[in-house]
Amino acid sequence: MTLVEERAPEGQAAGEMSKARRAMVDSQLRVSGVNDPAILAAFAAVKREDFVPADRRVVAYADRAVPLGDGAVLAPALTHGQMLTAAEVTGTDSVLVIGTPGTYLAALAAELARCVTVAAPDGDWTGDAPFSLVLIDGAVEQVPARLAAVLAEDGRVVTGLVERGVTRLAMGRAVGGEIALTSLGEADFAVLPAFAQPKTWSF
């Protein structure tokens, strides 16, 4: 994953941010298969610069991940666009967003869903459970076992998935208390250490 380290100048004009947001929609999302009008409207409405540190606002709309400090990163807009496209969020969905930070993705989902809850990977996920949709804002090596307990029957989960060292977009459904993921293609996710596979020893 490529990280952006430049510092933003003081007094970045709101008009410039608005232009950058429109450019993100047109040059990063539309051209890469994110074309649902409701999803594009969500990206146009949510100010991405509000979800990064002040000294990184100038690169908030770059087509790559932005570091937020303490090891957290804001995923590229395209990654979140791909997630929302795969999720097919509707106005009846109750959504749980898990991740660090998770807040930008949650703000986008809130433009589309009935209600949205945000939780840390090691936090309390119960909230408004059961949820019809869970979005994991990062890549997992394994599906957390406790996820099935908060996901409604036939509920969807969209996440990043680490496969042989490569991060991919993946989707699954809850059936009989079990969740199986299907890989949908490579995508730019940060790996979530909280969902790493347990280490094993071999001799």
C-alpha atoms as a PDB file:
ATOM      1  CA  MET A   1       0.000   0.000   0.000  1.00  0.00           C
ATOM      2  CA  THR A   2       1.326   3.453  -0.936  1.00  0.00           C
ATOM      3  CA  LEU A   3       1.081   6.106   1.750  1.00  0.00           C
ATOM      4  CA  VAL A   4       1.013   9.865   1.298  1.00  0.00           C
ATOM      5  CA  GLU A   5       3.205  11.944   3.600  1.00  0.00           C
ATOM      6  CA  GLU A   6       2.975  15.516   2.259  1.00  0.00           C
ATOM      7  CA  ARG A   7       1.845  18.326   4.554  1.00  0.00           C
ATOM      8  CA  ALA A   8      -1.085  20.568   3.683  1.00  0.00           C
ATOM      9  CA  PRO A   9      -0.625  24.344   3.523  1.00  0.00           C
ATOM     10  CA  GLU A  10      -2.531  26.492   5.979  1.00  0.00           C
ATOM     11  CA  GLY A  11      -5.851  27.949   4.889  1.00  0.00           C
ATOM     12  CA  GLN A  12      -6.771  25.405   2.238  1.00  0.00           C
ATOM     13  CA  ALA A  13      -9.804  26.972   0.563  1.00  0.00           C
ATOM     14  CA  ALA A  14     -13.150  25.208   0.795  1.00  0.00           C
ATOM     15  CA  GLY A  15     -13.641  25.849  -2.916  1.00  0.00           C
ATOM     16  CA  GLU A  16     -10.476  23.941  -3.736  1.00  0.00           C
ATOM     17  CA  MET A  17     -11.630  21.033  -1.588  1.00  0.00           C
ATOM     18  CA  SER A  18     -14.982  21.016  -3.393  1.00  0.00           C
ATOM     19  CA  LYS A  19     -13.220  20.909  -6.769  1.00  0.00           C
ATOM     20  CA  ALA A  20     -10.963  18.104  -5.551  1.00  0.00           C
ATOM     21  CA  ARG A  21     -14.006  16.151  -4.368  1.00  0.00           C
ATOM     22  CA  ARG A  22     -15.670  16.466  -7.765  1.00  0.00           C
ATOM     23  CA  ALA A  23     -12.434  15.428  -9.468  1.00  0.00           C
ATOM     24  CA  MET A  24     -12.229  12.373  -7.202  1.00  0.00           C
ATOM     25  CA  VAL A  25     -15.723  11.311  -8.251  1.00  0.00           C
ATOM     26  CA  ASP A  26     -15.030  11.840 -11.954  1.00  0.00           C
ATOM     27  CA  SER A  27     -11.428  10.654 -12.295  1.00  0.00           C
ATOM     28  CA  GLN A  28     -11.139   7.959  -9.615  1.00  0.00           C
ATOM     29  CA  LEU A  29     -14.608   6.454  -9.190  1.00  0.00           C
ATOM     30  CA  ARG A  30     -16.530   6.767 -12.459  1.00  0.00           C
ATOM     31  CA  VAL A  31     -13.628   5.565 -14.591  1.00  0.00           C
ATOM     32  CA  SER A  32     -13.077   2.521 -12.362  1.00  0.00           C
ATOM     33  CA  GLY A  33     -16.573   1.064 -12.418  1.00  0.00           C
ATOM     34  CA  VAL A  34     -18.150   2.868  -9.460  1.00  0.00           C
ATOM     35  CA  ASN A  35     -21.149   4.342 -11.275  1.00  0.00           C
ATOM     36  CA  ASP A  36     -24.178   3.930  -9.018  1.00  0.00           C
ATOM     37  CA  PRO A  37     -25.730   7.427  -8.805  1.00  0.00           C
ATOM     38  CA  ALA A  38     -26.538   7.085  -5.084  1.00  0.00           C
ATOM     39  CA  ILE A  39     -22.979   6.040  -4.242  1.00  0.00           C
ATOM     40  CA  LEU A  40     -21.494   8.871  -6.296  1.00  0.00           C
ATOM     41  CA  ALA A  41     -23.855  11.309  -4.589  1.00  0.00           C
ATOM     42  CA  ALA A  42     -22.638  10.054  -1.211  1.00  0.00           C
ATOM     43  CA  PHE A  43     -19.011  10.675  -2.167  1.00  0.00           C
ATOM     44  CA  ALA A  44     -19.949  14.133  -3.436  1.00  0.00           C
ATOM     45  CA  ALA A  45     -21.754  14.958  -0.179  1.00  0.00           C
ATOM     46  CA  VAL A  46     -19.232  13.715   2.400  1.00  0.00           C
ATOM     47  CA  LYS A  47     -16.182  15.933   2.924  1.00  0.00           C
ATOM     48  CA  ARG A  48     -13.249  13.534   2.929  1.00  0.00           C
ATOM     49  CA  GLU A  49     -10.918  16.263   4.206  1.00  0.00           C
ATOM     50  CA  ASP A  50     -12.828  16.261   7.516  1.00  0.00           C
ATOM     51  CA  PHE A  51     -11.586  12.728   8.197  1.00  0.00           C
ATOM     52  CA  VAL A  52      -7.827  13.357   7.961  1.00  0.00           C
ATOM     53  CA  PRO A  53      -5.434  15.384  10.155  1.00  0.00           C
ATOM     54  CA  ALA A  54      -5.235  19.104   9.331  1.00  0.00           C
ATOM     55  CA  ASP A  55      -1.718  18.745   7.930  1.00  0.00           C
ATOM     56  CA  ARG A  56      -2.907  16.115   5.414  1.00  0.00           C
ATOM     57  CA  ARG A  57      -5.986  17.873   4.075  1.00  0.00           C
ATOM     58  CA  VAL A  58      -4.173  18.794   0.865  1.00  0.00           C
ATOM     59  CA  VAL A  59      -3.841  15.095  -0.022  1.00  0.00           C
ATOM     60  CA  ALA A  60      -7.259  13.978   1.229  1.00  0.00           C
ATOM     61  CA  TYR A  61      -8.414  13.409  -2.350  1.00  0.00           C
ATOM     62  CA  ALA A  62      -5.283  11.713  -3.677  1.00  0.00           C
ATOM     63  CA  ASP A  63      -5.955   8.316  -5.248  1.00  0.00           C
ATOM     64  CA  ARG A  64      -4.139   6.420  -2.518  1.00  0.00           C
ATOM     65  CA  ALA A  65      -4.234   5.732   1.205  1.00  0.00           C
ATOM     66  CA  VAL A  66      -3.616   8.619   3.604  1.00  0.00           C
ATOM     67  CA  PRO A  67      -1.879   7.949   6.952  1.00  0.00           C
ATOM     68  CA  LEU A  68      -3.804   9.168   9.983  1.00  0.00           C
ATOM     69  CA  GLY A  69      -1.299   8.391  12.722  1.00  0.00           C
ATOM     70  CA  ASP A  70      -0.921   5.543  15.213  1.00  0.00           C
ATOM     71  CA  GLY A  71      -0.756   3.067  12.337  1.00  0.00           C
ATOM     72  CA  ALA A  72      -4.231   3.901  10.999  1.00  0.00           C
ATOM     73  CA  VAL A  73      -4.801   4.870   7.365  1.00  0.00           C
ATOM     74  CA  LEU A  74      -7.721   6.213   5.367  1.00  0.00           C
ATOM     75  CA  ALA A  75      -8.277   3.834   2.460  1.00  0.00           C
ATOM     76  CA  PRO A  76      -8.400   5.212  -1.094  1.00  0.00           C
ATOM     77  CA  ALA A  77     -11.814   6.448  -2.178  1.00  0.00           C
ATOM     78  CA  LEU A  78     -11.902   3.742  -4.854  1.00  0.00           C
ATOM     79  CA  THR A  79     -11.591   1.014  -2.211  1.00  0.00           C
ATOM     80  CA  HIS A  80     -14.612   2.361  -0.359  1.00  0.00           C
ATOM     81  CA  GLY A  81     -16.479   2.818  -3.639  1.00  0.00           C
ATOM     82  CA  GLN A  82     -15.829  -0.808  -4.550  1.00  0.00           C
ATOM     83  CA  MET A  83     -17.049  -1.916  -1.119  1.00  0.00           C
ATOM     84  CA  LEU A  84     -20.294   0.047  -1.353  1.00  0.00           C
ATOM     85  CA  THR A  85     -20.896  -1.164  -4.905  1.00  0.00           C
ATOM     86  CA  ALA A  86     -20.488  -4.792  -3.860  1.00  0.00           C
ATOM     87  CA  ALA A  87     -22.640  -4.256  -0.766  1.00  0.00           C
ATOM     88  CA  GLU A  88     -25.602  -2.826  -2.725  1.00  0.00           C
ATOM     89  CA  VAL A  89     -26.651  -0.746   0.290  1.00  0.00           C
ATOM     90  CA  THR A  90     -30.345   0.126   0.488  1.00  0.00           C
ATOM     91  CA  GLY A  91     -32.427   2.446   2.614  1.00  0.00           C
ATOM     92  CA  THR A  92     -33.602  -0.486   4.723  1.00  0.00           C
ATOM     93  CA  ASP A  93     -30.131  -1.656   5.739  1.00  0.00           C
ATOM     94  CA  SER A  94     -28.847  -1.557   9.291  1.00  0.00           C
ATOM     95  CA  VAL A  95     -25.075  -1.336   8.853  1.00  0.00           C
ATOM     96  CA  LEU A  96     -22.148  -2.070  11.154  1.00  0.00           C
ATOM     97  CA  VAL A  97     -18.802  -0.581  10.117  1.00  0.00           C
ATOM     98  CA  ILE A  98     -15.800  -2.218  11.792  1.00  0.00           C
ATOM     99  CA  GLY A  99     -12.349  -0.752  11.445  1.00  0.00           C
ATOM    100  CA  THR A 100      -9.784   1.840  12.343  1.00  0.00           C
ATOM    101  CA  PRO A 101     -10.796   4.500  11.648  1.00  0.00           C
ATOM    102  CA  GLY A 102     -14.018   3.401   9.887  1.00  0.00           C
ATOM    103  CA  THR A 103     -15.605   6.829  10.273  1.00  0.00           C
ATOM    104  CA  TYR A 104     -15.338   8.012   6.639  1.00  0.00           C
ATOM    105  CA  LEU A 105     -16.764   4.747   5.334  1.00  0.00           C
ATOM    106  CA  ALA A 106     -19.529   5.017   7.945  1.00  0.00           C
ATOM    107  CA  ALA A 107     -20.359   8.551   6.812  1.00  0.00           C
ATOM    108  CA  LEU A 108     -20.666   7.349   3.226  1.00  0.00           C
ATOM    109  CA  ALA A 109     -22.846   4.407   4.265  1.00  0.00           C
ATOM    110  CA  ALA A 110     -25.056   6.749   6.300  1.00  0.00           C
ATOM    111  CA  GLU A 111     -25.987   8.531   3.072  1.00  0.00           C
ATOM    112  CA  LEU A 112     -27.381   5.229   1.766  1.00  0.00           C
ATOM    113  CA  ALA A 113     -28.611   3.125   4.697  1.00  0.00           C
ATOM    114  CA  ARG A 114     -31.309   3.342   7.366  1.00  0.00           C
ATOM    115  CA  CYS A 115     -28.813   3.406  10.241  1.00  0.00           C
ATOM    116  CA  VAL A 116     -25.074   2.946  10.742  1.00  0.00           C
ATOM    117  CA  THR A 117     -23.043   1.877  13.777  1.00  0.00           C
ATOM    118  CA  VAL A 118     -19.245   2.253  13.960  1.00  0.00           C
ATOM    119  CA  ALA A 119     -17.093  -0.021  16.116  1.00  0.00           C
ATOM    120  CA  ALA A 120     -13.408  -0.714  16.613  1.00  0.00           C
ATOM    121  CA  PRO A 121     -12.080  -4.183  15.746  1.00  0.00           C
ATOM    122  CA  ASP A 122     -11.736  -4.956  19.457  1.00  0.00           C
ATOM    123  CA  GLY A 123     -14.866  -3.054  20.502  1.00  0.00           C
ATOM    124  CA  ASP A 124     -18.500  -3.872  21.242  1.00  0.00           C
ATOM    125  CA  TRP A 125     -20.277  -4.840  18.013  1.00  0.00           C
ATOM    126  CA  THR A 126     -23.731  -5.488  19.419  1.00  0.00           C
ATOM    127  CA  GLY A 127     -25.165  -1.986  18.907  1.00  0.00           C
ATOM    128  CA  ASP A 128     -28.331  -2.343  16.832  1.00  0.00           C
ATOM    129  CA  ALA A 129     -27.676  -6.019  16.077  1.00  0.00           C
ATOM    130  CA  PRO A 130     -28.602  -8.007  14.177  1.00  0.00           C
ATOM    131  CA  PHE A 131     -27.226  -6.044  11.233  1.00  0.00           C
ATOM    132  CA  SER A 132     -28.208  -6.684   7.641  1.00  0.00           C
ATOM    133  CA  LEU A 133     -24.780  -5.522   6.437  1.00  0.00           C
ATOM    134  CA  VAL A 134     -21.292  -5.432   7.944  1.00  0.00           C
ATOM    135  CA  LEU A 135     -18.508  -3.431   6.299  1.00  0.00           C
ATOM    136  CA  ILE A 136     -14.979  -4.145   7.560  1.00  0.00           C
ATOM    137  CA  ASP A 137     -12.766  -1.146   6.804  1.00  0.00           C
ATOM    138  CA  GLY A 138      -9.565  -3.084   6.203  1.00  0.00           C
ATOM    139  CA  ALA A 139      -8.273  -6.512   5.231  1.00  0.00           C
ATOM    140  CA  VAL A 140      -8.667  -9.597   7.426  1.00  0.00           C
ATOM    141  CA  GLU A 141      -6.742 -12.846   7.318  1.00  0.00           C
ATOM    142  CA  GLN A 142      -9.700 -14.655   8.845  1.00  0.00           C
ATOM    143  CA  VAL A 143     -13.364 -13.826   9.430  1.00  0.00           C
ATOM    144  CA  PRO A 144     -13.844 -12.972  13.111  1.00  0.00           C
ATOM    145  CA  ALA A 145     -15.812 -15.786  14.751  1.00  0.00           C
ATOM    146  CA  ARG A 146     -18.034 -13.385  16.693  1.00  0.00           C
ATOM    147  CA  LEU A 147     -19.183 -11.666  13.520  1.00  0.00           C
ATOM    148  CA  ALA A 148     -21.881 -14.285  12.898  1.00  0.00           C
ATOM    149  CA  ALA A 149     -23.546 -13.379  16.196  1.00  0.00           C
ATOM    150  CA  VAL A 150     -24.297  -9.802  15.085  1.00  0.00           C
ATOM    151  CA  LEU A 151     -25.177 -10.492  11.437  1.00  0.00           C
ATOM    152  CA  ALA A 152     -28.775 -11.278  10.492  1.00  0.00           C
ATOM    153  CA  GLU A 153     -29.534 -14.503   8.645  1.00  0.00           C
ATOM    154  CA  ASP A 154     -28.641 -13.938   4.967  1.00  0.00           C
ATOM    155  CA  GLY A 155     -26.962 -10.676   5.994  1.00  0.00           C
ATOM    156  CA  ARG A 156     -23.990  -9.518   3.927  1.00  0.00           C
ATOM    157  CA  VAL A 157     -20.416  -8.811   4.904  1.00  0.00           C
ATOM    158  CA  VAL A 158     -18.031  -6.877   2.658  1.00  0.00           C
ATOM    159  CA  THR A 159     -14.384  -6.697   3.628  1.00  0.00           C
ATOM    160  CA  GLY A 160     -10.810  -6.774   2.522  1.00  0.00           C
ATOM    161  CA  LEU A 161      -9.263 -10.235   2.578  1.00  0.00           C
ATOM    162  CA  VAL A 162      -5.593 -11.184   2.671  1.00  0.00           C
ATOM    163  CA  GLU A 163      -4.856 -14.075   0.318  1.00  0.00           C
ATOM    164  CA  ARG A 164      -1.251 -15.195  -0.115  1.00  0.00           C
ATOM    165  CA  GLY A 165      -0.016 -11.740   0.830  1.00  0.00           C
ATOM    166  CA  VAL A 166      -2.368  -9.887  -1.545  1.00  0.00           C
ATOM    167  CA  THR A 167      -5.348  -7.837  -0.352  1.00  0.00           C
ATOM    168  CA  ARG A 168      -8.628  -8.423  -2.164  1.00  0.00           C
ATOM    169  CA  LEU A 169     -12.212  -7.264  -1.987  1.00  0.00           C
ATOM    170  CA  ALA A 170     -14.416 -10.047  -0.655  1.00  0.00           C
ATOM    171  CA  MET A 171     -18.084 -10.576   0.121  1.00  0.00           C
ATOM    172  CA  GLY A 172     -20.015 -13.189   2.046  1.00  0.00           C
ATOM    173  CA  ARG A 173     -23.408 -13.989   3.572  1.00  0.00           C
ATOM    174  CA  ALA A 174     -24.485 -15.392   6.898  1.00  0.00           C
ATOM    175  CA  VAL A 175     -26.127 -18.793   6.473  1.00  0.00           C
ATOM    176  CA  GLY A 176     -26.908 -20.980   9.454  1.00  0.00           C
ATOM    177  CA  GLY A 177     -24.561 -19.030  11.690  1.00  0.00           C
ATOM    178  CA  GLU A 178     -21.636 -19.475   9.284  1.00  0.00           C
ATOM    179  CA  ILE A 179     -19.963 -16.923   7.007  1.00  0.00           C
ATOM    180  CA  ALA A 180     -17.966 -17.841   3.911  1.00  0.00           C
ATOM    181  CA  LEU A 181     -16.213 -15.172   1.861  1.00  0.00           C
ATOM    182  CA  THR A 182     -15.861 -15.029  -1.923  1.00  0.00           C
ATOM    183  CA  SER A 183     -12.978 -13.024  -3.356  1.00  0.00           C
ATOM    184  CA  LEU A 184     -14.071 -10.402  -5.908  1.00  0.00           C
ATOM    185  CA  GLY A 185     -10.686  -9.097  -7.058  1.00  0.00           C
ATOM    186  CA  GLU A 186      -7.622  -7.201  -5.900  1.00  0.00           C
ATOM    187  CA  ALA A 187      -8.178  -3.980  -3.955  1.00  0.00           C
ATOM    188  CA  ASP A 188      -6.073  -1.585  -1.897  1.00  0.00           C
ATOM    189  CA  PHE A 189      -6.756  -2.342   1.786  1.00  0.00           C
ATOM    190  CA  ALA A 190      -4.747  -1.833   4.945  1.00  0.00           C
ATOM    191  CA  VAL A 191      -4.355  -5.063   6.887  1.00  0.00           C
ATOM    192  CA  LEU A 192      -6.117  -5.144  10.272  1.00  0.00           C
ATOM    193  CA  PRO A 193      -3.772  -6.844  12.782  1.00  0.00           C
ATOM    194  CA  ALA A 194      -6.735  -7.638  15.070  1.00  0.00           C
ATOM    195  CA  PHE A 195      -7.987 -10.143  12.480  1.00  0.00           C
ATOM    196  CA  ALA A 196      -4.713 -11.903  11.728  1.00  0.00           C
ATOM    197  CA  GLN A 197      -4.462 -15.677  11.550  1.00  0.00           C
ATOM    198  CA  PRO A 198      -3.049 -17.219  14.738  1.00  0.00           C
ATOM    199  CA  LYS A 199       0.634 -18.027  14.323  1.00  0.00           C
ATOM    200  CA  THR A 200       1.476 -21.711  14.077  1.00  0.00           C
ATOM    201  CA  TRP A 201       4.764 -23.579  14.393  1.00  0.00           C
ATOM    202  CA  SER A 202       5.979 -26.265  12.060  1.00  0.00           C
ATOM    203  CA  PHE A 203       9.005 -28.533  12.449  1.00  0.00           C
END
